[in-house]
């Protein structure tokens, strides 16, 4: 069962619950220019006992300078893929909660305070997914790209999310179960789904990120093709039978697309015309990538996604 936390009102109670210490980890393939704003937001929200870690594939002087400016720790895994960076999460997070955000996922102003409120008042919780808003990527394909990934997490959410995206999430450190690096894909396809399935989950519309991703038609299609191919290829290496992977291809064009459309249709007035058609195109790109990855593996797609 998913337990719904009380809504965050934006004010502190007279007797505020203890807030666990937090490791804020920003994963980045794109350098300091991409994660600077996120560092500023998180840096303003830290408390004594917290830490900020930038887990990056590049570590030049600009990245070091940005981290020094805010008091963050830079951990460089040279030339790693985004999956390779996330596999290192157990090694770098040292506090009671691991709070993971991508370098294009800007936490909303109340997000960290709302997260502290939820986990402080509900110590039994093990995981809190970040929901999402789209404030900047509002060109037609930007919206379609956002919704292909985030439709079921698009604030305001009328019911608990059906699963947890492994890219932007808070998870209690002790449920990870290791201080060593994970296998590639283990974070995304085994650990996060397993913890979420146990049902000790909190969520709130206030715990949200602004998903900043500026793409045109070709870039959006390539992005979702590569995501699909990489997901299938990595899942194959974890031992999932090919038959099960092919079922996921069908689900991308049936169950998942239908769920996304059902979530979007009541809010079509907020979206550019043609959004549902573009969403179908991106679902097909993802399904095609998943089919190719099922038979041929991740290939070069792994190095091209962020």
C-alpha atoms as a PDB file:
ATOM      1  CA  UNK A   1       0.000   0.000   0.000  1.00  0.00           C
ATOM      2  CA  UNK A   2       1.201   3.505  -0.800  1.00  0.00           C
ATOM      3  CA  UNK A   3       0.862   5.910   2.105  1.00  0.00           C
ATOM      4  CA  UNK A   4       0.022   9.479   1.114  1.00  0.00           C
ATOM      5  CA  UNK A   5       1.801  12.120   3.146  1.00  0.00           C
ATOM      6  CA  UNK A   6      -0.067  15.143   4.433  1.00  0.00           C
ATOM      7  CA  UNK A   7       0.134  18.096   2.027  1.00  0.00           C
ATOM      8  CA  UNK A   8       2.982  20.488   2.712  1.00  0.00           C
ATOM      9  CA  UNK A   9       1.643  23.874   3.746  1.00  0.00           C
ATOM     10  CA  UNK A  10       4.903  25.780   3.454  1.00  0.00           C
ATOM     11  CA  UNK A  11       5.126  26.676   7.156  1.00  0.00           C
ATOM     12  CA  UNK A  12       6.846  24.987  10.057  1.00  0.00           C
ATOM     13  CA  UNK A  13       4.915  23.427  12.874  1.00  0.00           C
ATOM     14  CA  UNK A  14       5.584  24.620  16.394  1.00  0.00           C
ATOM     15  CA  UNK A  15       7.215  21.264  17.125  1.00  0.00           C
ATOM     16  CA  UNK A  16       9.008  20.380  13.900  1.00  0.00           C
ATOM     17  CA  UNK A  17       9.937  16.702  13.470  1.00  0.00           C
ATOM     18  CA  UNK A  18      13.554  15.693  13.285  1.00  0.00           C
ATOM     19  CA  UNK A  19      14.858  15.993   9.756  1.00  0.00           C
ATOM     20  CA  UNK A  20      17.207  13.193   8.689  1.00  0.00           C
ATOM     21  CA  UNK A  21      20.524  14.187   7.147  1.00  0.00           C
ATOM     22  CA  UNK A  22      20.586  14.156   3.368  1.00  0.00           C
ATOM     23  CA  UNK A  23      23.100  13.430   0.620  1.00  0.00           C
ATOM     24  CA  UNK A  24      22.052  15.521  -2.374  1.00  0.00           C
ATOM     25  CA  UNK A  25      23.594  13.932  -5.478  1.00  0.00           C
ATOM     26  CA  UNK A  26      23.498  15.659  -8.873  1.00  0.00           C
ATOM     27  CA  UNK A  27      24.371  13.424 -11.822  1.00  0.00           C
ATOM     28  CA  UNK A  28      25.914  15.294 -14.745  1.00  0.00           C
ATOM     29  CA  UNK A  29      27.381  14.497 -18.135  1.00  0.00           C
ATOM     30  CA  UNK A  30      27.316  18.087 -19.365  1.00  0.00           C
ATOM     31  CA  UNK A  31      29.578  20.181 -17.164  1.00  0.00           C
ATOM     32  CA  UNK A  32      29.222  23.073 -14.743  1.00  0.00           C
ATOM     33  CA  UNK A  33      27.012  25.214 -16.948  1.00  0.00           C
ATOM     34  CA  UNK A  34      24.294  22.597 -16.706  1.00  0.00           C
ATOM     35  CA  UNK A  35      24.270  21.998 -12.944  1.00  0.00           C
ATOM     36  CA  UNK A  36      25.003  25.536 -11.673  1.00  0.00           C
ATOM     37  CA  UNK A  37      21.347  26.492 -11.052  1.00  0.00           C
ATOM     38  CA  UNK A  38      20.649  23.213  -9.284  1.00  0.00           C
ATOM     39  CA  UNK A  39      23.631  23.715  -6.993  1.00  0.00           C
ATOM     40  CA  UNK A  40      22.278  27.133  -6.032  1.00  0.00           C
ATOM     41  CA  UNK A  41      18.803  25.781  -5.191  1.00  0.00           C
ATOM     42  CA  UNK A  42      20.101  22.838  -3.191  1.00  0.00           C
ATOM     43  CA  UNK A  43      22.859  24.846  -1.536  1.00  0.00           C
ATOM     44  CA  UNK A  44      20.269  27.285  -0.173  1.00  0.00           C
ATOM     45  CA  UNK A  45      18.253  24.396   1.296  1.00  0.00           C
ATOM     46  CA  UNK A  46      20.977  22.396   3.051  1.00  0.00           C
ATOM     47  CA  UNK A  47      21.255  22.069   6.820  1.00  0.00           C
ATOM     48  CA  UNK A  48      24.031  21.011   9.169  1.00  0.00           C
ATOM     49  CA  UNK A  49      24.785  17.365   8.530  1.00  0.00           C
ATOM     50  CA  UNK A  50      23.785  17.414   4.873  1.00  0.00           C
ATOM     51  CA  UNK A  51      26.188  17.020   1.971  1.00  0.00           C
ATOM     52  CA  UNK A  52      26.075  17.916  -1.721  1.00  0.00           C
ATOM     53  CA  UNK A  53      27.815  15.666  -4.237  1.00  0.00           C
ATOM     54  CA  UNK A  54      28.191  16.305  -7.948  1.00  0.00           C
ATOM     55  CA  UNK A  55      28.690  12.933  -9.613  1.00  0.00           C
ATOM     56  CA  UNK A  56      30.077  13.772 -13.025  1.00  0.00           C
ATOM     57  CA  UNK A  57      31.695  12.261 -16.093  1.00  0.00           C
ATOM     58  CA  UNK A  58      33.975  15.292 -16.495  1.00  0.00           C
ATOM     59  CA  UNK A  59      35.905  17.173 -13.838  1.00  0.00           C
ATOM     60  CA  UNK A  60      37.690  20.226 -15.165  1.00  0.00           C
ATOM     61  CA  UNK A  61      38.549  23.452 -13.385  1.00  0.00           C
ATOM     62  CA  UNK A  62      35.119  24.974 -14.032  1.00  0.00           C
ATOM     63  CA  UNK A  63      33.391  22.022 -12.353  1.00  0.00           C
ATOM     64  CA  UNK A  64      35.776  22.164  -9.391  1.00  0.00           C
ATOM     65  CA  UNK A  65      35.244  25.925  -9.026  1.00  0.00           C
ATOM     66  CA  UNK A  66      31.454  25.584  -9.010  1.00  0.00           C
ATOM     67  CA  UNK A  67      31.585  22.886  -6.364  1.00  0.00           C
ATOM     68  CA  UNK A  68      33.982  24.883  -4.175  1.00  0.00           C
ATOM     69  CA  UNK A  69      31.706  27.916  -4.437  1.00  0.00           C
ATOM     70  CA  UNK A  70      28.784  26.061  -2.878  1.00  0.00           C
ATOM     71  CA  UNK A  71      30.715  23.645  -0.637  1.00  0.00           C
ATOM     72  CA  UNK A  72      29.923  20.562  -2.717  1.00  0.00           C
ATOM     73  CA  UNK A  73      32.065  17.504  -3.274  1.00  0.00           C
ATOM     74  CA  UNK A  74      32.928  16.664  -6.884  1.00  0.00           C
ATOM     75  CA  UNK A  75      33.250  12.966  -7.704  1.00  0.00           C
ATOM     76  CA  UNK A  76      34.414  12.301 -11.257  1.00  0.00           C
ATOM     77  CA  UNK A  77      33.901   8.969 -13.017  1.00  0.00           C
ATOM     78  CA  UNK A  78      35.708   9.747 -16.243  1.00  0.00           C
ATOM     79  CA  UNK A  79      33.775   9.064 -19.438  1.00  0.00           C
ATOM     80  CA  UNK A  80      31.011   7.200 -17.603  1.00  0.00           C
ATOM     81  CA  UNK A  81      27.517   6.895 -19.064  1.00  0.00           C
ATOM     82  CA  UNK A  82      24.573   8.169 -17.027  1.00  0.00           C
ATOM     83  CA  UNK A  83      23.884   4.556 -16.023  1.00  0.00           C
ATOM     84  CA  UNK A  84      27.511   4.232 -14.979  1.00  0.00           C
ATOM     85  CA  UNK A  85      27.226   7.320 -12.789  1.00  0.00           C
ATOM     86  CA  UNK A  86      24.096   6.060 -11.059  1.00  0.00           C
ATOM     87  CA  UNK A  87      25.769   2.706 -10.430  1.00  0.00           C
ATOM     88  CA  UNK A  88      28.226   4.600  -8.196  1.00  0.00           C
ATOM     89  CA  UNK A  89      25.538   6.133  -5.965  1.00  0.00           C
ATOM     90  CA  UNK A  90      26.021   3.760  -2.983  1.00  0.00           C
ATOM     91  CA  UNK A  91      29.723   4.650  -2.907  1.00  0.00           C
ATOM     92  CA  UNK A  92      29.277   8.430  -2.757  1.00  0.00           C
ATOM     93  CA  UNK A  93      26.177   9.009  -0.567  1.00  0.00           C
ATOM     94  CA  UNK A  94      27.011   9.001   3.159  1.00  0.00           C
ATOM     95  CA  UNK A  95      23.938  10.483   4.886  1.00  0.00           C
ATOM     96  CA  UNK A  96      20.597   9.035   6.029  1.00  0.00           C
ATOM     97  CA  UNK A  97      18.750   9.854   2.808  1.00  0.00           C
ATOM     98  CA  UNK A  98      20.074   9.901  -0.762  1.00  0.00           C
ATOM     99  CA  UNK A  99      18.368  12.635  -2.807  1.00  0.00           C
ATOM    100  CA  UNK A 100      19.129  12.161  -6.495  1.00  0.00           C
ATOM    101  CA  UNK A 101      18.505  14.749  -9.225  1.00  0.00           C
ATOM    102  CA  UNK A 102      19.677  15.020 -12.820  1.00  0.00           C
ATOM    103  CA  UNK A 103      21.532  18.102 -14.026  1.00  0.00           C
ATOM    104  CA  UNK A 104      18.471  19.153 -16.058  1.00  0.00           C
ATOM    105  CA  UNK A 105      16.015  18.647 -13.175  1.00  0.00           C
ATOM    106  CA  UNK A 106      15.687  21.891 -11.204  1.00  0.00           C
ATOM    107  CA  UNK A 107      13.981  21.364  -7.824  1.00  0.00           C
ATOM    108  CA  UNK A 108      10.945  23.555  -7.292  1.00  0.00           C
ATOM    109  CA  UNK A 109      11.322  26.259  -4.585  1.00  0.00           C
ATOM    110  CA  UNK A 110       9.471  24.262  -1.902  1.00  0.00           C
ATOM    111  CA  UNK A 111      10.660  20.811  -2.958  1.00  0.00           C
ATOM    112  CA  UNK A 112      13.443  20.253  -0.416  1.00  0.00           C
ATOM    113  CA  UNK A 113      11.445  21.680   2.503  1.00  0.00           C
ATOM    114  CA  UNK A 114       8.459  19.517   1.505  1.00  0.00           C
ATOM    115  CA  UNK A 115      10.691  16.445   1.274  1.00  0.00           C
ATOM    116  CA  UNK A 116      12.114  17.101   4.743  1.00  0.00           C
ATOM    117  CA  UNK A 117       8.597  17.476   6.087  1.00  0.00           C
ATOM    118  CA  UNK A 118       7.463  14.158   4.600  1.00  0.00           C
ATOM    119  CA  UNK A 119      10.390  12.015   5.726  1.00  0.00           C
ATOM    120  CA  UNK A 120      10.626  13.754   9.105  1.00  0.00           C
ATOM    121  CA  UNK A 121       6.989  13.032   9.932  1.00  0.00           C
ATOM    122  CA  UNK A 122       7.008   9.541   8.425  1.00  0.00           C
ATOM    123  CA  UNK A 123      10.217   7.757   9.487  1.00  0.00           C
ATOM    124  CA  UNK A 124       8.886   4.473   8.091  1.00  0.00           C
ATOM    125  CA  UNK A 125       9.019   5.794   4.528  1.00  0.00           C
ATOM    126  CA  UNK A 126      11.748   4.362   2.321  1.00  0.00           C
ATOM    127  CA  UNK A 127      11.331   6.246  -0.940  1.00  0.00           C
ATOM    128  CA  UNK A 128       9.838   9.507  -2.224  1.00  0.00           C
ATOM    129  CA  UNK A 129       9.605  10.042  -6.000  1.00  0.00           C
ATOM    130  CA  UNK A 130      10.041  13.514  -7.433  1.00  0.00           C
ATOM    131  CA  UNK A 131       7.054  14.633  -9.473  1.00  0.00           C
ATOM    132  CA  UNK A 132       7.515  17.092 -12.349  1.00  0.00           C
ATOM    133  CA  UNK A 133       6.489  20.390 -13.899  1.00  0.00           C
ATOM    134  CA  UNK A 134       7.428  21.843 -17.278  1.00  0.00           C
ATOM    135  CA  UNK A 135       8.047  25.578 -17.078  1.00  0.00           C
ATOM    136  CA  UNK A 136      10.634  26.145 -19.787  1.00  0.00           C
ATOM    137  CA  UNK A 137      10.515  23.385 -22.417  1.00  0.00           C
ATOM    138  CA  UNK A 138       7.198  24.586 -23.795  1.00  0.00           C
ATOM    139  CA  UNK A 139       7.817  24.333 -27.548  1.00  0.00           C
ATOM    140  CA  UNK A 140       5.627  21.592 -29.131  1.00  0.00           C
ATOM    141  CA  UNK A 141       8.260  18.850 -29.141  1.00  0.00           C
ATOM    142  CA  UNK A 142       9.520  19.945 -25.744  1.00  0.00           C
ATOM    143  CA  UNK A 143       6.083  19.270 -24.299  1.00  0.00           C
ATOM    144  CA  UNK A 144       5.841  15.913 -26.079  1.00  0.00           C
ATOM    145  CA  UNK A 145       9.283  14.913 -24.819  1.00  0.00           C
ATOM    146  CA  UNK A 146       8.353  15.922 -21.272  1.00  0.00           C
ATOM    147  CA  UNK A 147       5.063  14.026 -21.329  1.00  0.00           C
ATOM    148  CA  UNK A 148       6.474  10.846 -22.863  1.00  0.00           C
ATOM    149  CA  UNK A 149       8.559  10.483 -19.698  1.00  0.00           C
ATOM    150  CA  UNK A 150       6.666  12.508 -17.108  1.00  0.00           C
ATOM    151  CA  UNK A 151       2.933  12.356 -17.924  1.00  0.00           C
ATOM    152  CA  UNK A 152       2.193  10.117 -14.947  1.00  0.00           C
ATOM    153  CA  UNK A 153       4.229  12.444 -12.686  1.00  0.00           C
ATOM    154  CA  UNK A 154       2.894  15.770 -14.021  1.00  0.00           C
ATOM    155  CA  UNK A 155       1.816  18.045 -11.177  1.00  0.00           C
ATOM    156  CA  UNK A 156      -0.865  18.282  -9.882  1.00  0.00           C
ATOM    157  CA  UNK A 157      -1.216  14.547  -9.447  1.00  0.00           C
ATOM    158  CA  UNK A 158      -4.692  13.267  -8.488  1.00  0.00           C
ATOM    159  CA  UNK A 159      -3.416   9.924  -7.154  1.00  0.00           C
ATOM    160  CA  UNK A 160      -0.131   8.283  -6.160  1.00  0.00           C
ATOM    161  CA  UNK A 161       2.322   7.637  -9.001  1.00  0.00           C
ATOM    162  CA  UNK A 162       2.147   4.037 -10.289  1.00  0.00           C
ATOM    163  CA  UNK A 163       5.917   3.568 -10.249  1.00  0.00           C
ATOM    164  CA  UNK A 164       9.057   5.526  -9.456  1.00  0.00           C
ATOM    165  CA  UNK A 165      11.414   7.050 -11.996  1.00  0.00           C
ATOM    166  CA  UNK A 166      14.969   6.151 -10.932  1.00  0.00           C
ATOM    167  CA  UNK A 167      16.432   9.403 -12.247  1.00  0.00           C
ATOM    168  CA  UNK A 168      14.998  11.878  -9.702  1.00  0.00           C
ATOM    169  CA  UNK A 169      14.172  10.271  -6.369  1.00  0.00           C
ATOM    170  CA  UNK A 170      14.841  10.344  -2.640  1.00  0.00           C
ATOM    171  CA  UNK A 171      15.618   6.984  -1.060  1.00  0.00           C
ATOM    172  CA  UNK A 172      16.540   6.047   2.487  1.00  0.00           C
ATOM    173  CA  UNK A 173      20.207   5.151   2.535  1.00  0.00           C
ATOM    174  CA  UNK A 174      19.883   2.036   4.703  1.00  0.00           C
ATOM    175  CA  UNK A 175      17.554   0.267   2.247  1.00  0.00           C
ATOM    176  CA  UNK A 176      20.171   0.364  -0.525  1.00  0.00           C
ATOM    177  CA  UNK A 177      21.998  -2.434   1.251  1.00  0.00           C
ATOM    178  CA  UNK A 178      25.550  -1.810   0.079  1.00  0.00           C
ATOM    179  CA  UNK A 179      28.372   0.728   0.104  1.00  0.00           C
ATOM    180  CA  UNK A 180      29.799  -0.639  -3.121  1.00  0.00           C
ATOM    181  CA  UNK A 181      29.081   0.221  -6.735  1.00  0.00           C
ATOM    182  CA  UNK A 182      26.142  -1.544  -8.337  1.00  0.00           C
ATOM    183  CA  UNK A 183      26.080  -3.419 -11.612  1.00  0.00           C
ATOM    184  CA  UNK A 184      25.122  -1.326 -14.619  1.00  0.00           C
ATOM    185  CA  UNK A 185      21.335  -1.003 -14.600  1.00  0.00           C
ATOM    186  CA  UNK A 186      20.849  -2.419 -11.115  1.00  0.00           C
ATOM    187  CA  UNK A 187      19.822   0.963  -9.686  1.00  0.00           C
ATOM    188  CA  UNK A 188      17.235   1.628 -12.409  1.00  0.00           C
ATOM    189  CA  UNK A 189      15.780  -1.835 -13.032  1.00  0.00           C
ATOM    190  CA  UNK A 190      16.175  -3.686  -9.739  1.00  0.00           C
ATOM    191  CA  UNK A 191      16.838  -1.568  -6.638  1.00  0.00           C
ATOM    192  CA  UNK A 192      14.454   1.381  -7.109  1.00  0.00           C
ATOM    193  CA  UNK A 193      11.534  -0.782  -8.372  1.00  0.00           C
ATOM    194  CA  UNK A 194      12.046  -3.244  -5.501  1.00  0.00           C
ATOM    195  CA  UNK A 195      12.027  -0.546  -2.810  1.00  0.00           C
ATOM    196  CA  UNK A 196       9.005   1.179  -4.372  1.00  0.00           C
ATOM    197  CA  UNK A 197       7.103  -2.115  -4.551  1.00  0.00           C
ATOM    198  CA  UNK A 198       7.407  -2.548  -0.771  1.00  0.00           C
ATOM    199  CA  UNK A 199       4.914   0.300  -0.478  1.00  0.00           C
ATOM    200  CA  UNK A 200       6.608   2.530   2.113  1.00  0.00           C
ATOM    201  CA  UNK A 201       6.279   5.477  -0.231  1.00  0.00           C
ATOM    202  CA  UNK A 202       5.599   9.166   0.331  1.00  0.00           C
ATOM    203  CA  UNK A 203       4.641  11.662  -2.330  1.00  0.00           C
ATOM    204  CA  UNK A 204       3.538  15.262  -2.617  1.00  0.00           C
ATOM    205  CA  UNK A 205       2.855  17.714  -5.436  1.00  0.00           C
ATOM    206  CA  UNK A 206       5.371  19.982  -3.698  1.00  0.00           C
ATOM    207  CA  UNK A 207       8.216  17.474  -4.104  1.00  0.00           C
ATOM    208  CA  UNK A 208       8.742  18.249  -7.775  1.00  0.00           C
ATOM    209  CA  UNK A 209      11.403  19.174 -10.303  1.00  0.00           C
ATOM    210  CA  UNK A 210      11.232  21.384 -13.380  1.00  0.00           C
ATOM    211  CA  UNK A 211      12.409  19.084 -16.167  1.00  0.00           C
ATOM    212  CA  UNK A 212      14.468  21.326 -18.454  1.00  0.00           C
ATOM    213  CA  UNK A 213      15.048  19.647 -21.809  1.00  0.00           C
ATOM    214  CA  UNK A 214      14.991  21.707 -25.004  1.00  0.00           C
ATOM    215  CA  UNK A 215      14.527  19.498 -28.082  1.00  0.00           C
ATOM    216  CA  UNK A 216      13.151  19.588 -31.607  1.00  0.00           C
ATOM    217  CA  UNK A 217      11.457  16.745 -33.475  1.00  0.00           C
ATOM    218  CA  UNK A 218      14.558  14.838 -34.559  1.00  0.00           C
ATOM    219  CA  UNK A 219      16.320  15.211 -31.204  1.00  0.00           C
ATOM    220  CA  UNK A 220      13.217  14.074 -29.315  1.00  0.00           C
ATOM    221  CA  UNK A 221      12.792  10.973 -31.489  1.00  0.00           C
ATOM    222  CA  UNK A 222      16.464  10.072 -31.177  1.00  0.00           C
ATOM    223  CA  UNK A 223      16.365  10.596 -27.420  1.00  0.00           C
ATOM    224  CA  UNK A 224      13.485   8.168 -26.912  1.00  0.00           C
ATOM    225  CA  UNK A 225      14.847   5.646 -29.406  1.00  0.00           C
ATOM    226  CA  UNK A 226      18.141   5.654 -27.514  1.00  0.00           C
ATOM    227  CA  UNK A 227      16.398   5.450 -24.146  1.00  0.00           C
ATOM    228  CA  UNK A 228      14.435   2.430 -25.347  1.00  0.00           C
ATOM    229  CA  UNK A 229      17.455   0.705 -26.865  1.00  0.00           C
ATOM    230  CA  UNK A 230      19.619   1.329 -23.817  1.00  0.00           C
ATOM    231  CA  UNK A 231      16.937   0.151 -21.379  1.00  0.00           C
ATOM    232  CA  UNK A 232      16.397  -3.086 -23.279  1.00  0.00           C
ATOM    233  CA  UNK A 233      20.090  -3.722 -23.821  1.00  0.00           C
ATOM    234  CA  UNK A 234      21.010  -3.217 -20.181  1.00  0.00           C
ATOM    235  CA  UNK A 235      18.028  -5.204 -18.917  1.00  0.00           C
ATOM    236  CA  UNK A 236      19.164  -8.093 -21.110  1.00  0.00           C
ATOM    237  CA  UNK A 237      22.524  -8.106 -19.336  1.00  0.00           C
ATOM    238  CA  UNK A 238      20.694  -8.372 -16.000  1.00  0.00           C
ATOM    239  CA  UNK A 239      19.119 -11.632 -17.145  1.00  0.00           C
ATOM    240  CA  UNK A 240      15.584 -10.714 -18.225  1.00  0.00           C
ATOM    241  CA  UNK A 241      14.448 -13.176 -20.912  1.00  0.00           C
ATOM    242  CA  UNK A 242      14.029 -11.853 -24.446  1.00  0.00           C
ATOM    243  CA  UNK A 243      10.357 -12.834 -24.414  1.00  0.00           C
ATOM    244  CA  UNK A 244       9.736 -10.535 -21.439  1.00  0.00           C
ATOM    245  CA  UNK A 245      11.582  -7.708 -23.188  1.00  0.00           C
ATOM    246  CA  UNK A 246       9.420  -8.074 -26.278  1.00  0.00           C
ATOM    247  CA  UNK A 247       6.331  -7.744 -24.096  1.00  0.00           C
ATOM    248  CA  UNK A 248       7.695  -4.347 -23.068  1.00  0.00           C
ATOM    249  CA  UNK A 249       7.782  -3.314 -26.736  1.00  0.00           C
ATOM    250  CA  UNK A 250       4.069  -4.035 -27.010  1.00  0.00           C
ATOM    251  CA  UNK A 251       3.314  -2.264 -23.738  1.00  0.00           C
ATOM    252  CA  UNK A 252       5.086   0.909 -24.941  1.00  0.00           C
ATOM    253  CA  UNK A 253       2.525   1.255 -27.743  1.00  0.00           C
ATOM    254  CA  UNK A 254      -0.514   0.024 -25.793  1.00  0.00           C
ATOM    255  CA  UNK A 255      -0.706   0.218 -22.009  1.00  0.00           C
ATOM    256  CA  UNK A 256       1.875   2.963 -21.424  1.00  0.00           C
ATOM    257  CA  UNK A 257       0.683   5.120 -24.315  1.00  0.00           C
ATOM    258  CA  UNK A 258      -2.942   4.703 -23.218  1.00  0.00           C
ATOM    259  CA  UNK A 259      -2.069   5.660 -19.624  1.00  0.00           C
ATOM    260  CA  UNK A 260      -0.188   8.742 -20.809  1.00  0.00           C
ATOM    261  CA  UNK A 261      -3.049   9.816 -23.079  1.00  0.00           C
ATOM    262  CA  UNK A 262      -5.612   9.340 -20.297  1.00  0.00           C
ATOM    263  CA  UNK A 263      -3.520  11.517 -18.000  1.00  0.00           C
ATOM    264  CA  UNK A 264      -3.065  14.223 -20.641  1.00  0.00           C
ATOM    265  CA  UNK A 265      -6.499  14.457 -22.270  1.00  0.00           C
ATOM    266  CA  UNK A 266      -8.226  16.369 -19.420  1.00  0.00           C
ATOM    267  CA  UNK A 267      -5.463  19.008 -19.685  1.00  0.00           C
ATOM    268  CA  UNK A 268      -5.200  19.355 -23.469  1.00  0.00           C
ATOM    269  CA  UNK A 269      -6.138  23.029 -23.244  1.00  0.00           C
ATOM    270  CA  UNK A 270      -2.768  23.633 -21.529  1.00  0.00           C
ATOM    271  CA  UNK A 271      -0.809  22.012 -24.365  1.00  0.00           C
ATOM    272  CA  UNK A 272       0.157  22.834 -27.970  1.00  0.00           C
ATOM    273  CA  UNK A 273      -2.111  21.472 -30.688  1.00  0.00           C
ATOM    274  CA  UNK A 274      -1.001  18.086 -31.948  1.00  0.00           C
ATOM    275  CA  UNK A 275       0.540  16.981 -28.646  1.00  0.00           C
ATOM    276  CA  UNK A 276      -1.170  13.573 -28.697  1.00  0.00           C
ATOM    277  CA  UNK A 277       0.111  12.871 -32.228  1.00  0.00           C
ATOM    278  CA  UNK A 278       3.642  13.826 -31.244  1.00  0.00           C
ATOM    279  CA  UNK A 279       3.358  11.663 -28.142  1.00  0.00           C
ATOM    280  CA  UNK A 280       2.425   8.667 -30.326  1.00  0.00           C
ATOM    281  CA  UNK A 281       5.500   9.300 -32.491  1.00  0.00           C
ATOM    282  CA  UNK A 282       7.766   9.313 -29.426  1.00  0.00           C
ATOM    283  CA  UNK A 283       6.136   6.161 -28.056  1.00  0.00           C
ATOM    284  CA  UNK A 284       6.869   4.476 -31.386  1.00  0.00           C
ATOM    285  CA  UNK A 285      10.494   5.683 -31.279  1.00  0.00           C
ATOM    286  CA  UNK A 286      10.863   4.242 -27.779  1.00  0.00           C
ATOM    287  CA  UNK A 287       9.258   0.934 -28.829  1.00  0.00           C
ATOM    288  CA  UNK A 288      11.528   0.685 -31.880  1.00  0.00           C
ATOM    289  CA  UNK A 289      14.593   1.332 -29.740  1.00  0.00           C
ATOM    290  CA  UNK A 290      13.436  -1.268 -27.236  1.00  0.00           C
ATOM    291  CA  UNK A 291      12.985  -3.848 -29.998  1.00  0.00           C
ATOM    292  CA  UNK A 292      16.441  -3.149 -31.437  1.00  0.00           C
ATOM    293  CA  UNK A 293      17.998  -3.276 -27.965  1.00  0.00           C
ATOM    294  CA  UNK A 294      16.288  -6.589 -27.250  1.00  0.00           C
ATOM    295  CA  UNK A 295      18.065  -8.221 -30.190  1.00  0.00           C
ATOM    296  CA  UNK A 296      21.250  -6.179 -30.610  1.00  0.00           C
ATOM    297  CA  UNK A 297      21.936  -4.732 -27.159  1.00  0.00           C
ATOM    298  CA  UNK A 298      22.459  -1.109 -26.153  1.00  0.00           C
ATOM    299  CA  UNK A 299      25.222  -0.455 -28.676  1.00  0.00           C
ATOM    300  CA  UNK A 300      26.329   3.132 -29.029  1.00  0.00           C
ATOM    301  CA  UNK A 301      23.034   4.457 -27.636  1.00  0.00           C
ATOM    302  CA  UNK A 302      24.309   4.061 -24.065  1.00  0.00           C
ATOM    303  CA  UNK A 303      26.949   6.759 -24.525  1.00  0.00           C
ATOM    304  CA  UNK A 304      24.514   9.207 -26.137  1.00  0.00           C
ATOM    305  CA  UNK A 305      21.823   9.586 -23.496  1.00  0.00           C
ATOM    306  CA  UNK A 306      21.829  11.857 -20.466  1.00  0.00           C
END
